[in-house]
Amino acid sequence: MRCFVYIIYSESRKKYYKGITNNFNKRLKEHNSESNSGYTSSGKPWIKILVIEKPNRLEAIILERKLKNLNKERLEIFIKNIYIKKKKPF
């Protein structure tokens, strides 16, 4: 079953959040809902920065762990590199 690794950002907290899900749009709504009482309950609204599809949950977990181990500076470099690759004409 395919999974998505995602990065969302809170402008008010100046923080990134990384996670995995099988339905990104639903998950983003959950992060921004009034009933959310978890880590992302403060800092609303959370906005989508990046969503990467993986073919299965194991690959998604591996990428999520790598992203969670990056500091903010290295995470932003990763994000910029992904955007640059997407803009290349292939």
C-alpha atoms as a PDB file:
ATOM      1  CA  MET A   1       0.000   0.000   0.000  1.00  0.00           C
ATOM      2  CA  ARG A   2       1.421   3.371  -0.976  1.00  0.00           C
ATOM      3  CA  CYS A   3       2.273   5.899   1.712  1.00  0.00           C
ATOM      4  CA  PHE A   4       3.169   9.543   1.728  1.00  0.00           C
ATOM      5  CA  VAL A   5       5.960  11.213   3.658  1.00  0.00           C
ATOM      6  CA  TYR A   6       5.052  14.831   4.230  1.00  0.00           C
ATOM      7  CA  ILE A   7       6.509  18.038   5.586  1.00  0.00           C
ATOM      8  CA  ILE A   8       4.223  20.790   6.846  1.00  0.00           C
ATOM      9  CA  TYR A   9       5.185  24.175   8.259  1.00  0.00           C
ATOM     10  CA  SER A  10       3.803  26.549  10.885  1.00  0.00           C
ATOM     11  CA  GLU A  11       4.590  30.192  10.218  1.00  0.00           C
ATOM     12  CA  SER A  12       3.588  31.193  13.768  1.00  0.00           C
ATOM     13  CA  ARG A  13       5.924  28.630  15.385  1.00  0.00           C
ATOM     14  CA  LYS A  14       8.582  28.727  12.637  1.00  0.00           C
ATOM     15  CA  LYS A  15       8.635  24.922  12.842  1.00  0.00           C
ATOM     16  CA  TYR A  16       8.463  22.029  10.416  1.00  0.00           C
ATOM     17  CA  TYR A  17       6.600  18.819  11.132  1.00  0.00           C
ATOM     18  CA  LYS A  18       7.380  15.553   9.334  1.00  0.00           C
ATOM     19  CA  GLY A  19       5.062  12.562   9.177  1.00  0.00           C
ATOM     20  CA  ILE A  20       3.658   9.686   7.143  1.00  0.00           C
ATOM     21  CA  THR A  21       0.111   8.894   6.061  1.00  0.00           C
ATOM     22  CA  ASN A  22      -1.851   7.089   3.389  1.00  0.00           C
ATOM     23  CA  ASN A  23      -4.124  10.136   2.851  1.00  0.00           C
ATOM     24  CA  PHE A  24      -2.296  13.457   2.988  1.00  0.00           C
ATOM     25  CA  ASN A  25      -5.285  15.781   2.480  1.00  0.00           C
ATOM     26  CA  LYS A  26      -7.205  14.127   5.317  1.00  0.00           C
ATOM     27  CA  ARG A  27      -4.128  14.225   7.567  1.00  0.00           C
ATOM     28  CA  LEU A  28      -3.495  17.925   6.921  1.00  0.00           C
ATOM     29  CA  LYS A  29      -7.114  18.683   7.851  1.00  0.00           C
ATOM     30  CA  GLU A  30      -6.594  16.724  11.080  1.00  0.00           C
ATOM     31  CA  HIS A  31      -3.476  18.753  11.926  1.00  0.00           C
ATOM     32  CA  ASN A  32      -5.457  21.970  11.418  1.00  0.00           C
ATOM     33  CA  SER A  33      -8.693  20.879  13.104  1.00  0.00           C
ATOM     34  CA  GLU A  34      -9.958  22.379  16.327  1.00  0.00           C
ATOM     35  CA  SER A  35     -10.185  18.924  17.898  1.00  0.00           C
ATOM     36  CA  ASN A  36      -6.447  18.271  17.405  1.00  0.00           C
ATOM     37  CA  SER A  37      -4.781  18.051  20.814  1.00  0.00           C
ATOM     38  CA  GLY A  38      -1.401  16.677  19.699  1.00  0.00           C
ATOM     39  CA  TYR A  39       1.953  18.295  18.906  1.00  0.00           C
ATOM     40  CA  THR A  40       0.530  20.266  15.984  1.00  0.00           C
ATOM     41  CA  SER A  41      -2.422  21.654  17.966  1.00  0.00           C
ATOM     42  CA  SER A  42      -0.499  24.883  18.395  1.00  0.00           C
ATOM     43  CA  GLY A  43       0.899  26.628  15.370  1.00  0.00           C
ATOM     44  CA  LYS A  44      -2.164  26.477  13.155  1.00  0.00           C
ATOM     45  CA  PRO A  45      -2.484  26.829  10.271  1.00  0.00           C
ATOM     46  CA  TRP A  46      -0.030  24.198   9.094  1.00  0.00           C
ATOM     47  CA  ILE A  47       0.763  24.454   5.400  1.00  0.00           C
ATOM     48  CA  LYS A  48       1.963  21.813   2.955  1.00  0.00           C
ATOM     49  CA  ILE A  49       5.620  22.091   2.033  1.00  0.00           C
ATOM     50  CA  LEU A  50       6.378  18.728   0.468  1.00  0.00           C
ATOM     51  CA  VAL A  51       4.687  15.361  -0.108  1.00  0.00           C
ATOM     52  CA  ILE A  52       6.693  12.369  -1.343  1.00  0.00           C
ATOM     53  CA  GLU A  53       4.953   9.170  -2.375  1.00  0.00           C
ATOM     54  CA  LYS A  54       6.558   5.856  -1.403  1.00  0.00           C
ATOM     55  CA  PRO A  55       5.374   2.437  -2.613  1.00  0.00           C
ATOM     56  CA  ASN A  56       4.981   1.010   0.890  1.00  0.00           C
ATOM     57  CA  ARG A  57       4.927   1.921   4.583  1.00  0.00           C
ATOM     58  CA  LEU A  58       8.418   0.587   5.314  1.00  0.00           C
ATOM     59  CA  GLU A  59      10.057   2.874   2.740  1.00  0.00           C
ATOM     60  CA  ALA A  60       8.002   5.788   4.067  1.00  0.00           C
ATOM     61  CA  ILE A  61       9.135   5.101   7.647  1.00  0.00           C
ATOM     62  CA  ILE A  62      12.779   4.942   6.569  1.00  0.00           C
ATOM     63  CA  LEU A  63      12.559   8.323   4.791  1.00  0.00           C
ATOM     64  CA  GLU A  64      10.592   9.903   7.655  1.00  0.00           C
ATOM     65  CA  ARG A  65      13.277   8.853  10.164  1.00  0.00           C
ATOM     66  CA  LYS A  66      15.997  10.344   7.971  1.00  0.00           C
ATOM     67  CA  LEU A  67      14.079  13.614   7.693  1.00  0.00           C
ATOM     68  CA  LYS A  68      13.396  13.759  11.428  1.00  0.00           C
ATOM     69  CA  ASN A  69      17.134  13.452  12.082  1.00  0.00           C
ATOM     70  CA  LEU A  70      17.952  16.533   9.986  1.00  0.00           C
ATOM     71  CA  ASN A  71      18.329  19.885  11.686  1.00  0.00           C
ATOM     72  CA  LYS A  72      16.298  22.809  10.318  1.00  0.00           C
ATOM     73  CA  GLU A  73      19.100  24.062   8.066  1.00  0.00           C
ATOM     74  CA  ARG A  74      19.713  20.658   6.458  1.00  0.00           C
ATOM     75  CA  LEU A  75      15.965  20.031   6.114  1.00  0.00           C
ATOM     76  CA  GLU A  76      15.568  23.311   4.218  1.00  0.00           C
ATOM     77  CA  ILE A  77      18.450  22.312   1.906  1.00  0.00           C
ATOM     78  CA  PHE A  78      16.698  18.975   1.267  1.00  0.00           C
ATOM     79  CA  ILE A  79      13.420  20.781   0.482  1.00  0.00           C
ATOM     80  CA  LYS A  80      15.122  23.205  -1.911  1.00  0.00           C
ATOM     81  CA  ASN A  81      16.909  20.356  -3.695  1.00  0.00           C
ATOM     82  CA  ILE A  82      13.609  18.506  -4.203  1.00  0.00           C
ATOM     83  CA  TYR A  83      12.003  21.634  -5.675  1.00  0.00           C
ATOM     84  CA  ILE A  84      14.959  22.175  -8.026  1.00  0.00           C
ATOM     85  CA  LYS A  85      14.735  18.560  -9.265  1.00  0.00           C
ATOM     86  CA  LYS A  86      11.001  18.914  -9.937  1.00  0.00           C
ATOM     87  CA  LYS A  87      11.599  21.983 -12.105  1.00  0.00           C
ATOM     88  CA  LYS A  88      14.147  20.292 -14.379  1.00  0.00           C
ATOM     89  CA  PRO A  89      12.665  19.468 -17.784  1.00  0.00           C
ATOM     90  CA  PHE A  90      12.867  15.702 -18.351  1.00  0.00           C
END
